[in-house]
């Protein structure tokens, strides 16, 4: 069959491919420790889940405004603004079924064919996919391991051109767990203002920070009118399957997003949004407890990885990923990931699944029990020692 050229660049997301192989091995009776899928291993917090159940029971299963329920938009404007020290209005907030549409649709609203979008590499695979679907040209910029996977500003400046229309950031980041410093964000903001470029800031992991802070570029002077914050409920509230995301942007763009949502997804399920409202307005104790638990797991997995000869793993400051350097083994990241799955029964992702600059690394999620993390690191150590 012949298909449109606009989808010719799309590839399967690496995590799903590794998961499929791991599940096939499990079906054969193998024990597999899953460190490949980036989702919390906790159940949705009970008070949040019950709010969704109650909403269904009360018949809140009909259409609602494409941009989201007014009550949730108001709550998110207040909560997101308070956490970032910025005043947001409900009219700046749009709701979508997951955060991925809020990466693609803003690009469709502001990019013309051939416009360039700078994005982090290694980075979330959907960034490059969305840029291409929107007609843009993806321009990867590396992250620096020696600087905690902060953005390579020299490379960024060298990548700017008259066609640069957007700079995409992700902090805390997937796959590295790195956080952009205030100095980095200030420089990016200066360059964006100078080039009259948009900034799309993926802040889905903003609540999962273990030391210090994860500042938002929206806090920088002159950035309110050119920043799109993409966020959601999946990571913070363990709601991956609920599909609930939100974005904050200048109101004129939010009005265009309302049209794009109308003609693409229609609206986000009402009962899902009611669960989201409870998540934002309700107690945050469970979030704090989960962050503390992730910190313990992070310390455990990083110490374990650094104890393996040939592995070097910087300390991730946010999210729930470790991104160890495995170049000393002289094998591609894909080959090493396959070896660990086949020989050790540990499912991890090759760094190359996150872009060219991810080669030489592996991504492991520590959204798993301490028992499984300890077992996985021991199995990895044995398998790597046998190479």
Protein backbone atom coordinates (compact mmCIF):
# COMPACT_ATOMS: atom_id res chain seq x y z
CA UNK A 1 0.00 0.00 0.00
CA UNK A 2 1.03 3.60 -0.52
CA UNK A 3 0.96 5.91 2.48
CA UNK A 4 1.46 9.64 2.92
CA UNK A 5 5.06 10.84 3.16
CA UNK A 6 4.24 12.68 6.39
CA UNK A 7 4.24 9.38 8.30
CA UNK A 8 7.25 7.78 6.60
CA UNK A 9 9.60 8.84 9.43
CA UNK A 10 7.54 7.18 12.18
CA UNK A 11 9.10 4.26 14.01
CA UNK A 12 7.94 2.08 16.89
CA UNK A 13 8.87 3.39 20.32
CA UNK A 14 11.76 1.34 21.68
CA UNK A 15 10.16 0.63 25.03
CA UNK A 16 7.24 -1.20 23.47
CA UNK A 17 9.52 -3.32 21.27
CA UNK A 18 11.64 -4.41 24.24
CA UNK A 19 8.52 -5.03 26.32
CA UNK A 20 7.16 -7.32 23.59
CA UNK A 21 10.39 -9.35 23.53
CA UNK A 22 10.44 -9.53 27.32
CA UNK A 23 6.85 -10.72 27.45
CA UNK A 24 7.58 -13.36 24.83
CA UNK A 25 10.36 -14.71 27.05
CA UNK A 26 8.02 -14.66 30.05
CA UNK A 27 5.53 -16.69 28.04
CA UNK A 28 8.29 -19.29 27.69
CA UNK A 29 8.65 -19.44 31.47
CA UNK A 30 11.59 -17.05 31.87
CA UNK A 31 11.71 -14.68 34.84
CA UNK A 32 12.17 -11.13 33.54
CA UNK A 33 12.81 -8.03 35.64
CA UNK A 34 11.25 -5.06 33.88
CA UNK A 35 13.35 -1.90 33.96
CA UNK A 36 12.28 -0.72 30.50
CA UNK A 37 8.81 0.82 30.85
CA UNK A 38 8.64 4.39 32.13
CA UNK A 39 5.64 4.32 34.39
CA UNK A 40 5.23 4.32 38.17
CA UNK A 41 4.76 0.86 39.65
CA UNK A 42 2.29 2.24 42.19
CA UNK A 43 -1.47 2.02 41.81
CA UNK A 44 -3.36 5.25 41.21
CA UNK A 45 -3.85 6.81 44.63
CA UNK A 46 -7.13 5.50 46.12
CA UNK A 47 -8.84 8.87 46.65
CA UNK A 48 -8.06 9.81 43.04
CA UNK A 49 -9.28 6.51 41.60
CA UNK A 50 -12.45 6.64 43.68
CA UNK A 51 -13.24 10.12 42.37
CA UNK A 52 -13.19 8.70 38.84
CA UNK A 53 -15.34 5.72 39.85
CA UNK A 54 -17.88 7.99 41.53
CA UNK A 55 -18.00 10.23 38.47
CA UNK A 56 -18.84 7.24 36.27
CA UNK A 57 -21.49 6.08 38.74
CA UNK A 58 -23.05 9.56 38.68
CA UNK A 59 -23.33 9.48 34.90
CA UNK A 60 -20.50 11.92 34.15
CA UNK A 61 -19.73 10.13 30.91
CA UNK A 62 -20.86 12.67 28.30
CA UNK A 63 -19.16 15.20 26.10
CA UNK A 64 -17.59 18.23 27.73
CA UNK A 65 -15.78 21.34 26.41
CA UNK A 66 -12.84 20.41 24.13
CA UNK A 67 -10.35 22.45 26.16
CA UNK A 68 -11.45 20.77 29.39
CA UNK A 69 -13.75 21.21 32.37
CA UNK A 70 -13.66 24.80 33.65
CA UNK A 71 -13.17 23.62 37.25
CA UNK A 72 -10.09 21.56 36.33
CA UNK A 73 -8.63 24.32 34.16
CA UNK A 74 -9.03 26.74 37.06
CA UNK A 75 -7.49 24.31 39.55
CA UNK A 76 -4.52 23.62 37.29
CA UNK A 77 -3.90 27.31 36.63
CA UNK A 78 -3.78 27.92 40.37
CA UNK A 79 -1.71 24.85 41.25
CA UNK A 80 0.80 25.10 38.39
CA UNK A 81 1.19 28.83 38.92
CA UNK A 82 1.79 28.47 42.67
CA UNK A 83 4.42 25.80 42.13
CA UNK A 84 6.27 27.89 39.56
CA UNK A 85 5.75 31.31 41.12
CA UNK A 86 3.78 32.52 38.11
CA UNK A 87 0.21 33.73 37.77
CA UNK A 88 -1.71 31.68 35.23
CA UNK A 89 -5.33 32.10 34.12
CA UNK A 90 -7.74 29.27 33.43
CA UNK A 91 -7.98 30.45 29.82
CA UNK A 92 -4.32 29.53 29.35
CA UNK A 93 -4.90 25.88 30.30
CA UNK A 94 -6.01 23.18 27.88
CA UNK A 95 -6.74 19.55 28.77
CA UNK A 96 -6.11 16.56 26.50
CA UNK A 97 -6.26 12.76 26.68
CA UNK A 98 -2.61 12.40 27.65
CA UNK A 99 0.30 14.77 27.20
CA UNK A 100 1.41 13.51 23.77
CA UNK A 101 -1.32 15.46 21.91
CA UNK A 102 -0.02 18.54 23.71
CA UNK A 103 3.36 18.05 22.08
CA UNK A 104 2.00 17.59 18.56
CA UNK A 105 -0.93 20.01 18.41
CA UNK A 106 0.96 23.17 19.50
CA UNK A 107 3.53 22.41 16.81
CA UNK A 108 0.73 22.13 14.25
CA UNK A 109 -0.52 25.53 15.40
CA UNK A 110 2.77 27.44 15.09
CA UNK A 111 5.02 25.62 12.59
CA UNK A 112 5.08 26.14 8.85
CA UNK A 113 6.60 23.48 6.56
CA UNK A 114 10.38 23.64 6.85
CA UNK A 115 10.49 25.43 10.18
CA UNK A 116 13.21 24.02 12.41
CA UNK A 117 12.68 22.71 15.93
CA UNK A 118 15.63 22.18 18.25
CA UNK A 119 15.15 19.27 20.63
CA UNK A 120 17.30 17.28 23.11
CA UNK A 121 19.13 14.16 21.94
CA UNK A 122 19.00 11.77 23.73
CA UNK A 123 15.35 12.56 24.23
CA UNK A 124 11.82 11.19 24.25
CA UNK A 125 11.25 9.57 20.80
CA UNK A 126 7.88 11.26 20.31
CA UNK A 127 9.59 14.65 20.02
CA UNK A 128 11.18 13.90 16.66
CA UNK A 129 8.01 12.11 15.53
CA UNK A 130 5.79 15.08 16.39
CA UNK A 131 8.11 17.59 14.73
CA UNK A 132 7.97 15.63 11.48
CA UNK A 133 4.21 15.18 11.59
CA UNK A 134 3.77 18.94 12.03
CA UNK A 135 5.90 19.59 8.95
CA UNK A 136 8.93 20.78 10.88
CA UNK A 137 12.59 19.90 10.58
CA UNK A 138 14.05 18.22 13.68
CA UNK A 139 17.41 19.61 14.84
CA UNK A 140 18.94 17.51 17.64
CA UNK A 141 21.16 19.08 20.30
CA UNK A 142 23.18 16.88 22.68
CA UNK A 143 23.03 16.70 26.45
CA UNK A 144 26.32 16.67 28.36
CA UNK A 145 26.94 13.73 30.69
CA UNK A 146 29.72 15.59 32.50
CA UNK A 147 27.26 18.37 33.36
CA UNK A 148 24.53 16.08 34.69
CA UNK A 149 22.96 15.82 31.24
CA UNK A 150 22.36 19.55 30.99
CA UNK A 151 21.95 21.05 27.52
CA UNK A 152 25.05 21.65 25.39
CA UNK A 153 24.67 25.41 24.98
CA UNK A 154 27.52 25.73 22.51
CA UNK A 155 25.89 23.14 20.26
CA UNK A 156 22.52 24.83 20.73
CA UNK A 157 23.83 28.20 19.60
CA UNK A 158 25.52 26.55 16.63
CA UNK A 159 22.22 24.91 15.65
CA UNK A 160 20.24 28.13 15.46
CA UNK A 161 19.30 29.35 12.01
CA UNK A 162 16.88 31.81 10.40
CA UNK A 163 14.41 28.89 10.20
CA UNK A 164 14.49 28.14 13.95
CA UNK A 165 10.88 28.42 15.13
CA UNK A 166 10.84 26.40 18.34
CA UNK A 167 13.16 25.07 21.05
CA UNK A 168 11.92 21.99 22.87
CA UNK A 169 13.08 21.32 26.44
CA UNK A 170 12.50 18.44 28.84
CA UNK A 171 13.51 18.95 32.47
CA UNK A 172 13.65 16.74 34.48
CA UNK A 173 14.45 14.68 31.45
CA UNK A 174 13.71 11.32 29.90
CA UNK A 175 15.90 9.27 29.46
CA UNK A 176 18.63 10.89 31.55
CA UNK A 177 16.96 12.21 34.71
CA UNK A 178 18.92 15.44 34.15
CA UNK A 179 17.67 18.91 35.09
CA UNK A 180 18.46 22.14 33.26
CA UNK A 181 20.10 24.73 35.47
CA UNK A 182 18.76 28.26 35.84
CA UNK A 183 21.83 29.50 33.98
CA UNK A 184 21.05 27.21 31.05
CA UNK A 185 17.40 28.23 30.98
CA UNK A 186 18.33 31.91 31.14
CA UNK A 187 20.58 31.48 28.10
CA UNK A 188 17.94 29.52 26.19
CA UNK A 189 15.40 32.22 27.02
CA UNK A 190 17.73 34.91 25.73
CA UNK A 191 18.25 33.03 22.47
CA UNK A 192 14.51 32.37 22.07
CA UNK A 193 13.69 36.05 22.56
CA UNK A 194 16.39 37.09 20.12
CA UNK A 195 15.13 34.66 17.47
CA UNK A 196 11.43 35.26 18.25
CA UNK A 197 11.12 31.49 18.76
CA UNK A 198 8.64 29.48 20.78
CA UNK A 199 9.75 27.25 23.64
CA UNK A 200 7.87 24.02 24.29
CA UNK A 201 8.83 22.90 27.80
CA UNK A 202 7.93 19.30 28.65
CA UNK A 203 7.62 19.36 32.45
CA UNK A 204 5.84 16.03 32.97
CA UNK A 205 8.38 15.06 35.67
CA UNK A 206 8.38 18.43 37.45
CA UNK A 207 7.17 16.97 40.76
CA UNK A 208 9.72 14.13 40.72
CA UNK A 209 12.78 16.06 41.90
CA UNK A 210 15.16 14.72 44.54
CA UNK A 211 17.64 17.50 45.28
CA UNK A 212 17.45 21.19 44.58
CA UNK A 213 14.86 22.40 42.10
CA UNK A 214 13.69 21.99 38.54
CA UNK A 215 13.08 25.56 37.39
CA UNK A 216 10.74 26.30 34.50
CA UNK A 217 11.83 28.48 31.60
CA UNK A 218 8.44 30.17 31.91
CA UNK A 219 9.87 31.87 35.00
CA UNK A 220 12.43 33.74 32.92
CA UNK A 221 11.82 37.38 31.92
CA UNK A 222 9.94 37.83 28.67
CA UNK A 223 9.06 34.14 28.31
CA UNK A 224 5.39 34.19 29.30
CA UNK A 225 4.28 35.10 25.78
CA UNK A 226 6.39 32.46 24.03
CA UNK A 227 6.39 29.42 26.34
CA UNK A 228 4.18 26.33 26.16
CA UNK A 229 4.34 24.12 29.26
CA UNK A 230 3.33 20.50 28.68
CA UNK A 231 2.50 18.52 31.80
CA UNK A 232 0.17 15.77 32.95
CA UNK A 233 -0.99 13.36 35.61
CA UNK A 234 0.67 10.11 34.50
CA UNK A 235 3.92 10.33 36.44
CA UNK A 236 3.00 12.41 39.48
CA UNK A 237 -0.25 10.63 40.31
CA UNK A 238 0.44 7.16 38.80
CA UNK A 239 -2.32 7.71 36.22
CA UNK A 240 -0.63 6.51 33.02
CA UNK A 241 -3.67 4.60 31.74
CA UNK A 242 -6.13 7.36 32.60
CA UNK A 243 -4.73 9.49 29.75
CA UNK A 244 -4.91 12.96 31.24
CA UNK A 245 -2.56 15.75 30.25
CA UNK A 246 -2.61 19.53 30.32
CA UNK A 247 -0.70 22.41 28.80
CA UNK A 248 -0.34 26.06 29.71
CA UNK A 249 0.26 28.66 27.02
CA UNK A 250 -0.63 32.20 25.94
CA UNK A 251 -4.41 32.54 25.60
CA UNK A 252 -4.43 33.25 21.83
CA UNK A 253 -2.67 29.94 21.27
CA UNK A 254 -4.98 28.20 23.75
CA UNK A 255 -7.93 29.38 21.64
CA UNK A 256 -6.39 27.75 18.56
CA UNK A 257 -5.71 24.62 20.59
CA UNK A 258 -9.41 24.48 21.42
CA UNK A 259 -10.10 24.18 17.69
CA UNK A 260 -7.40 21.57 17.16
CA UNK A 261 -8.74 19.50 20.06
CA UNK A 262 -12.28 19.86 18.74
CA UNK A 263 -11.33 18.40 15.38
CA UNK A 264 -8.92 15.73 16.60
CA UNK A 265 -9.81 14.20 19.97
CA UNK A 266 -13.12 15.99 20.62
CA UNK A 267 -12.70 16.09 24.37
CA UNK A 268 -11.14 14.29 27.32
CA UNK A 269 -13.34 11.93 29.32
CA UNK A 270 -15.28 13.80 32.01
CA UNK A 271 -14.78 11.14 34.68
CA UNK A 272 -11.03 11.16 34.03
CA UNK A 273 -10.98 14.91 34.54
CA UNK A 274 -12.95 14.54 37.78
CA UNK A 275 -10.25 12.16 39.01
CA UNK A 276 -7.69 14.76 37.97
CA UNK A 277 -9.54 17.45 39.90
CA UNK A 278 -9.35 15.32 43.04
CA UNK A 279 -5.66 14.70 42.38
CA UNK A 280 -4.92 18.44 42.26
CA UNK A 281 -7.27 19.59 45.00
CA UNK A 282 -6.92 16.59 47.31
CA UNK A 283 -4.14 15.61 49.75
CA UNK A 284 -0.61 15.39 48.36
CA UNK A 285 0.79 13.02 51.00
CA UNK A 286 0.92 10.10 48.57
CA UNK A 287 2.93 12.15 46.07
CA UNK A 288 5.45 13.09 48.74
CA UNK A 289 5.73 9.47 49.86
CA UNK A 290 6.30 8.25 46.31
CA UNK A 291 9.00 10.86 45.69
CA UNK A 292 10.77 9.72 48.86
CA UNK A 293 10.55 6.10 47.74
CA UNK A 294 11.88 6.91 44.28
CA UNK A 295 14.81 8.72 45.92
CA UNK A 296 15.69 5.59 47.89
CA UNK A 297 15.48 3.46 44.76
CA UNK A 298 17.54 5.93 42.78
CA UNK A 299 20.33 5.84 45.35
CA UNK A 300 20.21 2.03 45.34
CA UNK A 301 20.36 1.55 41.57
CA UNK A 302 23.03 4.19 40.95
CA UNK A 303 25.28 2.74 43.65
CA UNK A 304 24.75 -0.74 42.24
CA UNK A 305 25.47 0.30 38.66
CA UNK A 306 28.63 2.21 39.60
CA UNK A 307 29.88 -0.88 41.42
CA UNK A 308 29.87 -2.84 38.13
CA UNK A 309 33.30 -2.66 36.45
CA UNK A 310 33.02 -0.72 33.20
CA UNK A 311 29.78 1.07 34.04
CA UNK A 312 29.62 4.78 34.86
CA UNK A 313 26.30 6.23 36.01
CA UNK A 314 25.78 9.89 36.94
CA UNK A 315 23.26 10.62 39.69
CA UNK A 316 19.89 11.55 38.12
CA UNK A 317 18.32 14.57 39.80
CA UNK A 318 14.74 13.95 38.73
CA UNK A 319 12.27 11.64 36.92
CA UNK A 320 12.81 7.91 37.59
CA UNK A 321 15.50 6.90 35.12
CA UNK A 322 19.18 6.03 35.32
CA UNK A 323 21.26 6.51 32.17
CA UNK A 324 24.56 4.69 32.65
CA UNK A 325 27.50 4.98 30.26
CA UNK A 326 28.48 1.53 28.96
CA UNK A 327 30.93 2.49 26.19
CA UNK A 328 33.81 0.66 27.84
CA UNK A 329 32.32 -2.69 26.76
CA UNK A 330 32.87 -1.91 23.09
CA UNK A 331 29.39 -3.07 22.10
CA UNK A 332 26.44 -1.12 20.76
CA UNK A 333 23.77 -0.22 23.24
CA UNK A 334 21.26 -2.37 21.34
CA UNK A 335 23.56 -5.40 21.47
CA UNK A 336 24.20 -4.91 25.18
CA UNK A 337 20.49 -4.46 25.93
CA UNK A 338 19.72 -7.69 24.06
CA UNK A 339 22.46 -9.52 25.97
CA UNK A 340 21.09 -8.36 29.31
CA UNK A 341 17.60 -9.49 28.37
CA UNK A 342 18.66 -12.85 26.95
CA UNK A 343 21.41 -13.75 29.43
CA UNK A 344 20.38 -11.94 32.62
CA UNK A 345 16.60 -11.67 32.23
CA UNK A 346 16.76 -7.91 32.77
CA UNK A 347 14.82 -5.71 30.33
CA UNK A 348 16.46 -2.34 29.73
CA UNK A 349 16.41 0.08 26.80
CA UNK A 350 19.35 0.90 24.53
CA UNK A 351 20.31 4.55 24.62
CA UNK A 352 20.11 4.59 20.83
CA UNK A 353 16.32 4.30 21.16
CA UNK A 354 16.43 7.94 22.30
CA UNK A 355 18.50 9.32 19.45
CA UNK A 356 21.96 9.21 17.95
CA UNK A 357 23.58 10.79 21.01
CA UNK A 358 22.12 8.06 23.22
CA UNK A 359 24.48 5.48 21.74
CA UNK A 360 26.84 4.14 24.38
CA UNK A 361 24.24 4.31 27.15
CA UNK A 362 21.40 2.26 28.57
CA UNK A 363 18.18 3.52 30.13
CA UNK A 364 16.88 1.82 33.24
CA UNK A 365 13.79 2.84 35.14
CA UNK A 366 13.85 2.46 38.90
CA UNK A 367 10.04 2.42 39.05
CA UNK A 368 10.31 -1.09 40.46
CA UNK A 369 10.73 -2.63 43.92
CA UNK A 370 14.03 -2.43 45.79
CA UNK A 371 14.12 -6.22 45.79
CA UNK A 372 13.87 -6.35 41.99
CA UNK A 373 16.39 -3.53 41.58
CA UNK A 374 18.94 -5.36 43.73
CA UNK A 375 18.32 -8.61 41.88
CA UNK A 376 18.54 -6.90 38.48
CA UNK A 377 21.85 -5.17 39.27
CA UNK A 378 23.36 -8.45 40.48
CA UNK A 379 22.23 -10.25 37.32
CA UNK A 380 23.57 -7.43 35.15
CA UNK A 381 26.93 -7.53 36.91
CA UNK A 382 27.24 -11.28 36.29
CA UNK A 383 26.24 -11.00 32.62
CA UNK A 384 28.58 -8.09 31.91
CA UNK A 385 31.49 -9.81 33.68
CA UNK A 386 31.06 -12.74 31.30
CA UNK A 387 31.51 -10.63 28.16
